[in-house]
N, C-alpha and C. Protein backbone atom coordinates (compact mmCIF):
# COMPACT_ATOMS: atom_id res chain seq x y z
N ASP A 1 119.14 84.90 133.35
CA ASP A 1 119.45 84.94 132.04
C ASP A 1 118.41 84.84 131.24
N ASP A 2 118.54 85.31 130.03
CA ASP A 2 117.36 85.21 128.90
C ASP A 2 117.62 83.86 128.17
N TYR A 3 118.70 83.31 128.15
CA TYR A 3 118.98 82.13 127.43
C TYR A 3 119.05 81.02 128.31
N LYS A 4 118.51 79.80 128.06
CA LYS A 4 118.86 78.55 128.72
C LYS A 4 120.25 78.18 128.54
N LYS A 5 120.84 77.63 129.52
CA LYS A 5 122.29 77.31 129.57
C LYS A 5 122.43 76.10 128.42
N TYR A 6 123.65 76.04 127.90
CA TYR A 6 123.66 74.79 126.85
C TYR A 6 123.76 73.47 127.70
N ASP A 7 124.25 73.45 128.86
CA ASP A 7 124.19 72.28 129.53
C ASP A 7 122.81 71.82 129.92
N ASP A 8 121.92 72.79 130.10
CA ASP A 8 120.41 72.38 130.31
C ASP A 8 119.90 71.56 129.14
N TYR A 9 120.22 71.98 127.90
CA TYR A 9 119.73 71.44 126.76
C TYR A 9 120.42 69.99 126.67
N LYS A 10 121.67 69.86 126.96
CA LYS A 10 122.34 68.58 126.85
C LYS A 10 121.65 67.76 127.91
N LYS A 11 121.33 68.10 129.01
CA LYS A 11 120.69 67.19 130.02
C LYS A 11 119.14 66.86 129.56
N ASP A 12 118.49 67.72 128.91
CA ASP A 12 117.13 67.51 128.28
C ASP A 12 117.53 66.58 127.01
N ASP A 13 118.54 66.43 126.44
CA ASP A 13 118.81 65.79 125.29
C ASP A 13 117.89 66.35 124.16
N ASP A 14 117.71 67.66 124.15
CA ASP A 14 116.88 68.29 123.30
C ASP A 14 117.71 69.45 122.45
N TYR A 15 118.49 69.24 121.62
CA TYR A 15 119.35 70.33 120.86
C TYR A 15 118.73 71.11 119.93
N LYS A 16 117.50 70.73 119.57
CA LYS A 16 116.70 71.54 118.48
C LYS A 16 116.05 72.49 118.98
N LYS A 17 115.79 72.64 120.43
CA LYS A 17 115.02 73.70 121.11
C LYS A 17 115.75 75.10 121.18
N LYS A 18 114.93 76.04 120.68
CA LYS A 18 115.48 77.32 120.64
C LYS A 18 115.60 78.02 121.98
N PRO A 19 116.44 78.93 122.12
CA PRO A 19 116.56 79.72 123.46
C PRO A 19 115.37 80.47 123.68
N VAL A 20 114.91 80.71 125.04
CA VAL A 20 113.73 81.44 125.34
C VAL A 20 114.16 82.93 125.63
N PHE A 21 113.37 83.77 124.94
CA PHE A 21 113.73 85.10 124.97
C PHE A 21 112.60 85.73 125.78
N LYS A 22 112.92 86.67 126.61
CA LYS A 22 111.92 87.40 127.46
C LYS A 22 111.58 88.88 126.70
N LYS A 23 110.66 89.34 126.79
CA LYS A 23 110.36 90.79 126.32
C LYS A 23 110.92 91.78 127.18
N LYS A 24 111.23 92.82 126.68
CA LYS A 24 112.07 93.92 127.55
C LYS A 24 111.38 95.29 127.25
N CYS A 25 111.41 96.00 128.28
CA CYS A 25 110.99 97.38 128.03
C CYS A 25 112.06 98.34 128.29
N ILE A 26 112.33 99.10 127.20
CA ILE A 26 113.62 100.04 127.08
C ILE A 26 113.04 101.41 126.85
N LYS A 27 113.91 102.46 127.28
CA LYS A 27 113.63 103.79 126.83
C LYS A 27 114.61 104.22 125.64
N VAL A 28 113.96 104.89 124.69
CA VAL A 28 114.69 105.49 123.68
C VAL A 28 114.17 106.81 123.46
N PRO A 29 115.20 107.59 122.74
CA PRO A 29 114.75 109.04 122.37
C PRO A 29 113.83 108.99 121.12
N GLU A 30 112.73 109.69 121.09
CA GLU A 30 111.96 109.79 120.06
C GLU A 30 112.19 111.15 119.42
N VAL A 31 112.31 111.49 118.10
CA VAL A 31 112.60 112.80 117.56
C VAL A 31 111.07 113.37 117.38
N ILE A 32 110.92 114.44 118.13
CA ILE A 32 109.60 115.22 118.13
C ILE A 32 109.60 116.28 116.78
N GLY A 33 110.72 116.60 116.71
CA GLY A 33 110.88 117.68 115.43
C GLY A 33 112.26 118.16 115.30
N ARG A 34 112.48 118.66 114.16
CA ARG A 34 113.72 119.23 113.83
C ARG A 34 113.53 120.45 112.96
N ASN A 35 114.32 121.43 113.32
CA ASN A 35 114.08 122.75 112.56
C ASN A 35 115.66 123.66 112.70
N SER A 36 115.59 124.75 111.99
CA SER A 36 116.79 125.53 112.01
C SER A 36 116.21 127.01 112.06
N THR A 37 117.27 127.80 112.50
CA THR A 37 117.09 129.28 112.30
C THR A 37 118.20 129.92 111.88
N GLN A 38 118.13 131.16 111.28
CA GLN A 38 119.32 132.12 111.02
C GLN A 38 119.26 133.30 111.72
N VAL A 39 120.33 133.88 112.24
CA VAL A 39 120.28 135.25 113.00
C VAL A 39 121.29 136.20 112.22
N LEU A 40 121.01 137.23 111.71
CA LEU A 40 121.98 138.16 111.10
C LEU A 40 122.49 139.10 112.46
N ILE A 41 123.77 139.09 112.31
CA ILE A 41 124.36 139.79 113.38
C ILE A 41 125.41 140.92 112.82
N GLU A 42 125.14 142.13 113.14
CA GLU A 42 125.75 143.21 112.58
C GLU A 42 126.61 143.79 113.60
N SER A 43 127.92 144.11 113.44
CA SER A 43 128.60 144.71 114.31
C SER A 43 129.79 145.80 113.75
N VAL A 44 130.10 146.84 114.58
CA VAL A 44 131.12 147.70 114.26
C VAL A 44 132.28 147.49 115.27
N ILE A 45 133.36 147.22 114.73
CA ILE A 45 134.51 146.99 115.79
C ILE A 45 135.51 147.97 115.51
N CYS A 46 135.98 148.74 116.59
CA CYS A 46 136.99 149.67 116.51
C CYS A 46 138.32 149.29 116.83
N PHE A 47 139.27 149.64 115.94
CA PHE A 47 140.62 149.22 116.03
C PHE A 47 141.34 150.15 117.21
N PRO A 48 142.36 149.71 117.89
CA PRO A 48 143.02 150.55 118.78
C PRO A 48 143.49 151.80 118.00
N GLU A 49 143.59 152.90 118.76
CA GLU A 49 143.92 154.18 118.16
C GLU A 49 145.11 154.08 117.55
N HIS A 50 146.22 153.62 118.10
CA HIS A 50 147.60 153.72 117.45
C HIS A 50 147.75 152.50 116.60
N PHE A 51 146.78 151.67 116.39
CA PHE A 51 147.03 150.43 115.43
C PHE A 51 145.86 150.31 114.44
N PRO A 52 145.73 151.34 113.56
CA PRO A 52 144.70 151.18 112.70
C PRO A 52 145.15 150.01 111.62
N ALA A 53 143.94 149.42 111.05
CA ALA A 53 144.00 148.29 110.19
C ALA A 53 144.25 148.77 108.65
N VAL A 54 145.33 148.10 108.17
CA VAL A 54 145.61 148.33 106.67
C VAL A 54 144.89 147.26 105.91
N GLU A 55 144.83 146.04 106.40
CA GLU A 55 144.21 144.93 105.81
C GLU A 55 143.88 143.70 106.91
N ILE A 56 142.71 143.15 106.72
CA ILE A 56 142.17 141.95 107.46
C ILE A 56 142.90 140.70 106.93
N LYS A 57 143.54 140.03 107.77
CA LYS A 57 144.19 138.83 107.33
C LYS A 57 143.14 137.69 107.47
N ASP A 58 142.54 137.56 108.54
CA ASP A 58 141.51 136.58 108.71
C ASP A 58 140.58 136.76 109.83
N ILE A 59 139.35 136.35 109.88
CA ILE A 59 138.37 136.40 110.92
C ILE A 59 138.04 135.00 111.31
N ILE A 60 138.43 134.55 112.49
CA ILE A 60 137.90 133.26 112.98
C ILE A 60 136.55 133.42 113.90
N LYS A 61 135.67 132.77 113.37
CA LYS A 61 134.47 132.92 114.17
C LYS A 61 133.76 131.55 114.81
N LYS A 62 133.43 131.61 115.97
CA LYS A 62 132.98 130.43 116.68
C LYS A 62 131.75 130.70 117.44
N VAL A 63 130.57 129.87 117.30
CA VAL A 63 129.50 129.97 118.23
C VAL A 63 129.89 129.08 119.51
N LYS A 64 129.65 129.93 120.57
CA LYS A 64 129.70 129.12 121.86
C LYS A 64 128.85 129.64 123.03
N ASN A 65 128.80 129.12 124.15
CA ASN A 65 128.01 129.40 125.19
C ASN A 65 126.60 129.39 124.95
N LEU A 66 126.16 128.46 124.15
CA LEU A 66 124.73 128.23 123.90
C LEU A 66 123.96 127.88 125.08
N SER A 67 122.86 128.52 125.29
CA SER A 67 121.87 128.30 126.41
C SER A 67 120.36 127.94 125.81
N VAL A 68 120.00 126.82 125.89
CA VAL A 68 118.89 126.27 125.05
C VAL A 68 117.73 126.03 126.24
N HIS A 69 116.56 126.45 125.85
CA HIS A 69 115.51 126.15 126.72
C HIS A 69 114.27 125.63 125.91
N VAL A 70 113.69 124.53 126.07
CA VAL A 70 112.63 123.78 125.22
C VAL A 70 111.36 124.34 126.12
N CYS A 71 110.42 124.95 125.29
CA CYS A 71 109.14 125.37 125.94
C CYS A 71 108.12 124.97 124.78
N LYS A 72 106.73 125.14 125.02
CA LYS A 72 105.64 124.68 124.17
C LYS A 72 105.82 125.19 122.83
N ASN A 73 106.14 124.19 121.93
CA ASN A 73 106.24 124.45 120.37
C ASN A 73 107.38 125.20 120.09
N LYS A 74 108.23 125.69 120.79
CA LYS A 74 109.41 126.47 120.51
C LYS A 74 110.66 126.25 121.41
N VAL A 75 111.67 126.55 120.77
CA VAL A 75 113.03 126.43 121.53
C VAL A 75 113.60 127.73 121.54
N LEU A 76 114.05 128.19 122.72
CA LEU A 76 114.68 129.53 122.92
C LEU A 76 116.15 129.37 123.02
N ILE A 77 116.86 130.16 122.39
CA ILE A 77 118.34 130.10 122.22
C ILE A 77 119.13 131.33 122.66
N ASN A 78 120.17 131.28 123.40
CA ASN A 78 120.87 132.53 123.57
C ASN A 78 122.38 131.95 123.60
N GLY A 79 123.21 132.75 122.97
CA GLY A 79 124.44 132.38 122.56
C GLY A 79 125.45 133.63 122.44
N VAL A 80 126.70 133.13 121.99
CA VAL A 80 127.68 134.02 121.74
C VAL A 80 128.54 133.76 120.66
N LEU A 81 128.59 134.72 119.79
CA LEU A 81 129.51 134.65 118.57
C LEU A 81 130.81 135.21 118.84
N HIS A 82 131.88 134.36 118.92
CA HIS A 82 133.12 134.87 119.30
C HIS A 82 134.04 135.17 117.97
N LYS A 83 134.62 136.26 117.89
CA LYS A 83 135.43 136.45 116.73
C LYS A 83 136.88 136.92 117.18
N ASN A 84 137.72 136.33 116.29
CA ASN A 84 139.18 136.61 116.48
C ASN A 84 139.70 137.20 115.28
N ILE A 85 139.92 138.49 115.17
CA ILE A 85 140.21 139.23 114.11
C ILE A 85 141.73 139.55 114.06
N ASN A 86 142.31 139.01 112.99
CA ASN A 86 143.88 139.23 112.67
C ASN A 86 143.96 140.21 111.55
N TYR A 87 144.72 141.31 111.87
CA TYR A 87 144.87 142.27 110.93
C TYR A 87 146.14 142.82 110.82
N LYS A 88 146.56 143.50 109.56
CA LYS A 88 147.90 144.20 109.48
C LYS A 88 147.78 145.63 109.95
N THR A 89 148.74 146.22 110.63
CA THR A 89 148.71 147.61 111.07
C THR A 89 149.55 148.43 110.27
N PHE A 90 149.51 149.72 110.40
CA PHE A 90 150.38 150.79 109.96
C PHE A 90 151.02 151.43 111.01
N GLU A 91 152.36 151.28 111.21
CA GLU A 91 153.01 152.02 112.12
C GLU A 91 154.09 153.19 111.72
N GLY A 92 154.31 153.01 110.43
CA GLY A 92 155.63 154.06 109.92
C GLY A 92 155.84 153.66 108.38
N GLU A 93 156.48 154.69 107.76
CA GLU A 93 157.08 154.36 106.53
C GLU A 93 158.42 154.36 106.32
N ILE A 94 158.90 153.78 105.35
CA ILE A 94 160.35 153.69 105.13
C ILE A 94 160.69 154.18 103.55
N LYS A 95 161.53 155.12 103.39
CA LYS A 95 161.73 155.76 102.11
C LYS A 95 163.16 155.26 101.77
N CYS A 96 163.47 154.44 100.66
CA CYS A 96 164.70 154.19 100.34
C CYS A 96 164.83 154.28 98.81
N GLY A 97 165.48 155.65 98.54
CA GLY A 97 165.54 155.83 97.07
C GLY A 97 164.24 156.22 96.72
N LYS A 98 163.95 155.57 95.53
CA LYS A 98 162.58 155.80 94.89
C LYS A 98 161.43 154.88 95.36
N LEU A 99 161.89 153.93 96.20
CA LEU A 99 160.90 153.02 96.86
C LEU A 99 160.29 153.60 98.12
N GLU A 100 159.09 153.40 97.98
CA GLU A 100 158.26 153.79 99.36
C GLU A 100 157.68 152.63 99.88
N SER A 101 157.76 152.35 101.20
CA SER A 101 157.20 151.30 101.71
C SER A 101 156.67 151.56 103.11
N PHE A 102 155.93 150.68 103.86
CA PHE A 102 155.53 151.08 105.27
C PHE A 102 155.67 149.71 105.87
N PHE A 103 155.61 149.95 107.25
CA PHE A 103 155.87 148.66 108.21
C PHE A 103 154.64 148.82 109.23
N GLY A 104 154.67 147.45 109.86
CA GLY A 104 153.57 147.46 111.05
C GLY A 104 153.60 145.93 111.37
N ASP A 105 152.73 145.77 112.41
CA ASP A 105 152.67 144.26 112.89
C ASP A 105 151.39 143.69 112.45
N VAL A 106 151.32 142.33 112.93
CA VAL A 106 149.89 141.81 112.68
C VAL A 106 149.48 141.70 114.13
N LYS A 107 148.31 142.23 114.26
CA LYS A 107 147.66 142.44 115.63
C LYS A 107 146.28 141.44 115.55
N HIS A 108 145.69 141.57 116.70
CA HIS A 108 144.38 140.72 116.71
C HIS A 108 143.50 141.39 117.78
N ILE A 109 142.26 141.31 117.56
CA ILE A 109 141.14 141.74 118.55
C ILE A 109 140.12 140.46 118.67
N GLY A 110 139.97 140.33 119.83
CA GLY A 110 138.74 139.30 120.42
C GLY A 110 137.48 139.89 120.64
N VAL A 111 136.39 139.55 120.08
CA VAL A 111 135.16 140.14 120.35
C VAL A 111 134.13 138.97 120.53
N ASP A 112 133.44 139.16 121.62
CA ASP A 112 132.18 138.39 122.19
C ASP A 112 130.98 139.17 121.70
N MET A 113 130.23 138.48 120.83
CA MET A 113 128.83 139.21 120.42
C MET A 113 127.61 138.34 120.81
N PRO A 114 126.75 138.77 121.98
CA PRO A 114 125.73 138.00 122.38
C PRO A 114 124.48 138.04 121.32
N PHE A 115 123.88 136.98 121.25
CA PHE A 115 122.61 136.86 120.36
C PHE A 115 121.55 136.07 120.89
N ALA A 116 120.30 136.29 120.46
CA ALA A 116 119.21 135.56 120.86
C ALA A 116 118.22 135.19 119.87
N THR A 117 117.65 134.00 119.79
CA THR A 117 116.79 133.75 118.66
C THR A 117 115.94 132.51 119.36
N TYR A 118 114.96 131.98 118.51
CA TYR A 118 114.20 130.89 118.69
C TYR A 118 113.83 130.08 117.47
N ILE A 119 113.49 128.91 117.53
CA ILE A 119 113.18 127.89 116.68
C ILE A 119 111.70 127.42 116.89
N ASP A 120 110.87 127.40 115.94
CA ASP A 120 109.66 126.79 116.17
C ASP A 120 109.71 125.25 115.86
N VAL A 121 109.39 124.53 116.79
CA VAL A 121 109.22 122.87 116.96
C VAL A 121 108.01 122.49 117.32
N PRO A 122 106.92 122.37 116.28
CA PRO A 122 105.70 121.77 116.80
C PRO A 122 105.73 120.61 117.60
N GLY A 123 105.06 120.39 118.71
CA GLY A 123 104.94 119.36 119.44
C GLY A 123 105.88 119.42 120.64
N ALA A 124 106.94 120.17 120.68
CA ALA A 124 107.99 120.52 121.75
C ALA A 124 107.16 120.78 122.97
N LYS A 125 107.64 120.27 124.31
CA LYS A 125 107.01 120.87 125.30
C LYS A 125 108.27 120.94 126.45
N PRO A 126 108.02 121.61 127.59
CA PRO A 126 108.97 121.74 128.65
C PRO A 126 109.28 120.24 129.09
N GLY A 127 110.58 120.06 129.30
CA GLY A 127 110.97 118.65 129.93
C GLY A 127 111.82 118.03 128.85
N ASP A 128 111.53 118.24 127.55
CA ASP A 128 112.06 117.56 126.34
C ASP A 128 113.43 117.94 126.28
N LYS A 129 114.31 116.96 125.61
CA LYS A 129 115.61 117.14 125.51
C LYS A 129 115.98 117.79 124.03
N TYR A 130 117.04 118.18 123.86
CA TYR A 130 117.50 118.74 122.52
C TYR A 130 118.90 118.34 122.14
N GLN A 131 119.09 118.35 120.85
CA GLN A 131 120.38 117.83 120.36
C GLN A 131 120.72 118.90 119.25
N ILE A 132 121.87 119.51 119.29
CA ILE A 132 122.25 120.61 118.52
C ILE A 132 123.00 119.88 117.24
N GLU A 133 122.56 120.09 116.18
CA GLU A 133 123.09 119.31 114.80
C GLU A 133 124.29 120.24 114.45
N PHE A 134 123.85 121.60 114.31
CA PHE A 134 124.85 122.45 113.66
C PHE A 134 124.64 123.87 114.38
N ALA A 135 125.70 124.50 114.76
CA ALA A 135 125.66 125.86 115.39
C ALA A 135 127.14 126.65 114.83
N GLY A 136 126.77 127.47 113.90
CA GLY A 136 127.98 128.07 113.32
C GLY A 136 127.69 129.16 112.40
N VAL A 137 128.53 129.73 111.55
CA VAL A 137 128.51 130.73 110.51
C VAL A 137 128.22 130.26 109.20
N GLU A 138 127.12 130.71 108.70
CA GLU A 138 126.75 130.16 107.43
C GLU A 138 127.84 130.46 106.43
N ASP A 139 128.28 129.46 105.56
CA ASP A 139 129.23 129.71 104.54
C ASP A 139 128.79 130.72 103.62
N GLY A 140 129.75 131.63 103.19
CA GLY A 140 129.60 132.65 102.17
C GLY A 140 128.64 133.71 102.47
N CYS A 141 128.01 133.80 103.64
CA CYS A 141 127.09 134.70 104.15
C CYS A 141 127.82 135.69 105.10
N GLU A 142 128.71 136.42 104.82
CA GLU A 142 129.46 137.25 105.63
C GLU A 142 130.03 138.43 104.72
N VAL A 143 129.91 139.64 105.31
CA VAL A 143 130.63 140.86 104.59
C VAL A 143 131.39 141.55 105.60
N ASP A 144 132.77 141.93 105.18
CA ASP A 144 133.60 142.73 106.09
C ASP A 144 133.84 143.99 105.31
N ILE A 145 133.62 145.13 105.94
CA ILE A 145 133.91 146.33 105.29
C ILE A 145 134.68 147.28 106.24
N LEU A 146 135.95 147.65 105.75
CA LEU A 146 136.65 148.60 106.45
C LEU A 146 136.19 150.14 106.35
N GLU A 147 136.06 150.71 107.58
CA GLU A 147 135.51 152.03 107.53
C GLU A 147 136.33 153.05 108.26
N ASP A 148 135.98 154.40 108.08
CA ASP A 148 136.64 155.44 109.00
C ASP A 148 138.14 155.55 108.66
N PRO A 149 138.54 156.00 107.43
CA PRO A 149 139.86 155.90 107.20
C PRO A 149 140.60 157.01 108.06
N VAL A 150 142.01 156.80 108.36
CA VAL A 150 142.66 157.57 109.03
C VAL A 150 143.11 158.69 108.31
N PRO A 151 142.88 159.93 108.70
CA PRO A 151 143.19 161.10 107.87
C PRO A 151 144.68 161.41 107.72
N LYS A 152 145.17 161.96 106.62
CA LYS A 152 146.53 162.23 106.54
C LYS A 152 147.48 161.14 106.56
N CYS A 153 147.12 160.06 106.08
CA CYS A 153 147.88 158.84 106.25
C CYS A 153 148.22 158.57 104.82
N SER A 154 149.46 158.28 104.45
CA SER A 154 149.96 157.93 103.16
C SER A 154 149.41 156.40 102.65
N VAL A 155 149.10 155.59 103.62
CA VAL A 155 148.60 154.42 103.36
C VAL A 155 147.25 154.33 103.80
N LYS A 156 146.39 153.61 103.05
CA LYS A 156 144.81 153.42 103.44
C LYS A 156 144.83 152.55 104.80
N ALA A 157 144.60 153.26 106.03
CA ALA A 157 144.54 152.53 107.07
C ALA A 157 143.11 153.05 107.58
N TYR A 158 142.48 152.14 108.30
CA TYR A 158 141.12 152.24 108.89
C TYR A 158 141.00 152.09 110.40
N LYS A 159 140.03 152.89 111.01
CA LYS A 159 139.81 152.73 112.37
C LYS A 159 138.74 151.77 112.80
N LYS A 160 137.83 151.43 111.83
CA LYS A 160 136.84 150.54 112.34
C LYS A 160 136.55 149.44 111.12
N LEU A 161 135.98 148.28 111.58
CA LEU A 161 135.37 147.23 110.67
C LEU A 161 133.98 147.06 111.00
N ARG A 162 133.24 147.19 109.86
CA ARG A 162 131.84 146.69 109.93
C ARG A 162 131.69 145.37 109.44
N GLU A 163 131.02 144.56 110.16
CA GLU A 163 130.90 143.06 109.72
C GLU A 163 129.29 142.64 109.84
N LYS A 164 128.93 142.01 108.80
CA LYS A 164 127.73 141.35 108.93
C LYS A 164 127.82 140.00 108.79
N VAL A 165 127.19 139.08 109.37
CA VAL A 165 127.30 137.75 109.30
C VAL A 165 126.14 137.08 109.76
N ILE A 166 125.82 135.69 109.04
CA ILE A 166 124.66 135.10 109.49
C ILE A 166 125.02 133.77 110.22
N VAL A 167 124.40 133.63 111.44
CA VAL A 167 124.72 132.43 112.26
C VAL A 167 123.51 131.43 112.08
N LYS A 168 123.64 130.35 111.94
CA LYS A 168 122.85 129.20 111.62
C LYS A 168 122.79 128.25 112.68
N ILE A 169 121.75 127.95 113.23
CA ILE A 169 121.46 126.93 114.43
C ILE A 169 120.52 125.95 113.88
N ASP A 170 120.98 124.59 113.88
CA ASP A 170 120.01 123.47 113.47
C ASP A 170 120.02 122.63 114.74
N LEU A 171 118.80 122.32 115.15
CA LEU A 171 118.55 121.21 116.28
C LEU A 171 117.46 120.36 116.21
N LYS A 172 117.36 119.41 116.97
CA LYS A 172 116.09 118.43 117.14
C LYS A 172 115.84 118.34 118.62
N VAL A 173 114.42 118.10 118.66
CA VAL A 173 113.84 118.06 119.98
C VAL A 173 113.57 116.56 120.14
N LEU A 174 114.03 116.06 121.30
CA LEU A 174 113.88 114.56 121.56
C LEU A 174 113.03 114.26 122.92
N ARG A 175 112.33 113.14 122.92
CA ARG A 175 111.64 112.89 124.05
C ARG A 175 111.80 111.47 124.35
N GLU A 176 111.99 110.99 125.64
CA GLU A 176 112.29 109.71 126.03
C GLU A 176 110.88 108.85 125.97
N VAL A 177 110.87 107.76 125.27
CA VAL A 177 109.59 107.00 125.40
C VAL A 177 110.02 105.48 125.60
N GLN A 178 109.11 104.89 126.24
CA GLN A 178 109.38 103.33 126.55
C GLN A 178 108.64 102.53 125.28
N ILE A 179 109.58 101.43 124.89
CA ILE A 179 109.08 100.73 123.82
C ILE A 179 109.38 99.34 124.45
N THR A 180 108.42 98.22 123.93
CA THR A 180 108.61 96.81 124.32
C THR A 180 109.53 96.28 123.24
N VAL A 181 110.54 95.53 123.58
CA VAL A 181 111.27 94.79 122.52
C VAL A 181 111.05 93.22 122.73
N CYS A 182 110.84 92.68 121.81
CA CYS A 182 110.59 91.18 121.68
C CYS A 182 111.53 90.57 120.66
N PRO A 183 112.73 90.18 121.04
CA PRO A 183 113.65 89.69 120.17
C PRO A 183 113.30 88.44 119.25
N GLU A 184 112.31 87.72 119.73
CA GLU A 184 112.02 86.48 119.01
C GLU A 184 111.30 86.83 117.63
N LYS A 185 110.43 88.00 117.78
CA LYS A 185 109.62 88.33 116.66
C LYS A 185 110.48 89.26 115.70
N CYS A 186 111.40 89.93 116.12
CA CYS A 186 112.14 91.04 115.51
C CYS A 186 113.60 90.72 115.48
N ASP A 187 114.30 89.84 115.03
CA ASP A 187 115.69 89.71 115.24
C ASP A 187 116.41 90.10 114.03
N ILE A 188 116.68 91.31 113.96
CA ILE A 188 117.26 91.99 112.58
C ILE A 188 118.82 92.08 112.92
N CYS A 189 119.42 91.87 114.07
CA CYS A 189 120.80 91.91 114.20
C CYS A 189 121.60 90.85 113.43
N PRO A 190 122.91 91.27 112.95
CA PRO A 190 123.58 90.19 112.35
C PRO A 190 124.03 89.04 113.18
């Protein structure tokens, strides 16, 4: 134990004596550096032939399967941007009197888009650890364009979606270091 037992003080009849602390050596992570990168990913996604897109409802994007390798002064990163595209289809028309309308379903397409990049982190070296602070799509940095209209279609329907998106990755490189802790000199805990 680092503390003398209360009974020992009582026996010594010395209640004013402070407990005896021992120095300890502990390992803590030291931040070597922090940096970020951005990757522009452009893709053309084809809709199924019988289900052209009339409107994109939403696109859910998620960065996954990150593989990170710390090397000298750099961090290499491979990953996948997964997109789940929900869209309205055109399947037919309905004429009812003077009204013209069309019908279709809401469909989805899942797409995995691999990417590779690197981040400069001066002082990094093989064996260092890393911590990803953020990996995702940069807000407001995406463009979706429907392309290749279906010919002879009364409703504007498209065969392809061109998308440009920026993926941002923010990380820090850590290295375990040993430090000596001496509680009697630095007691900052409440």
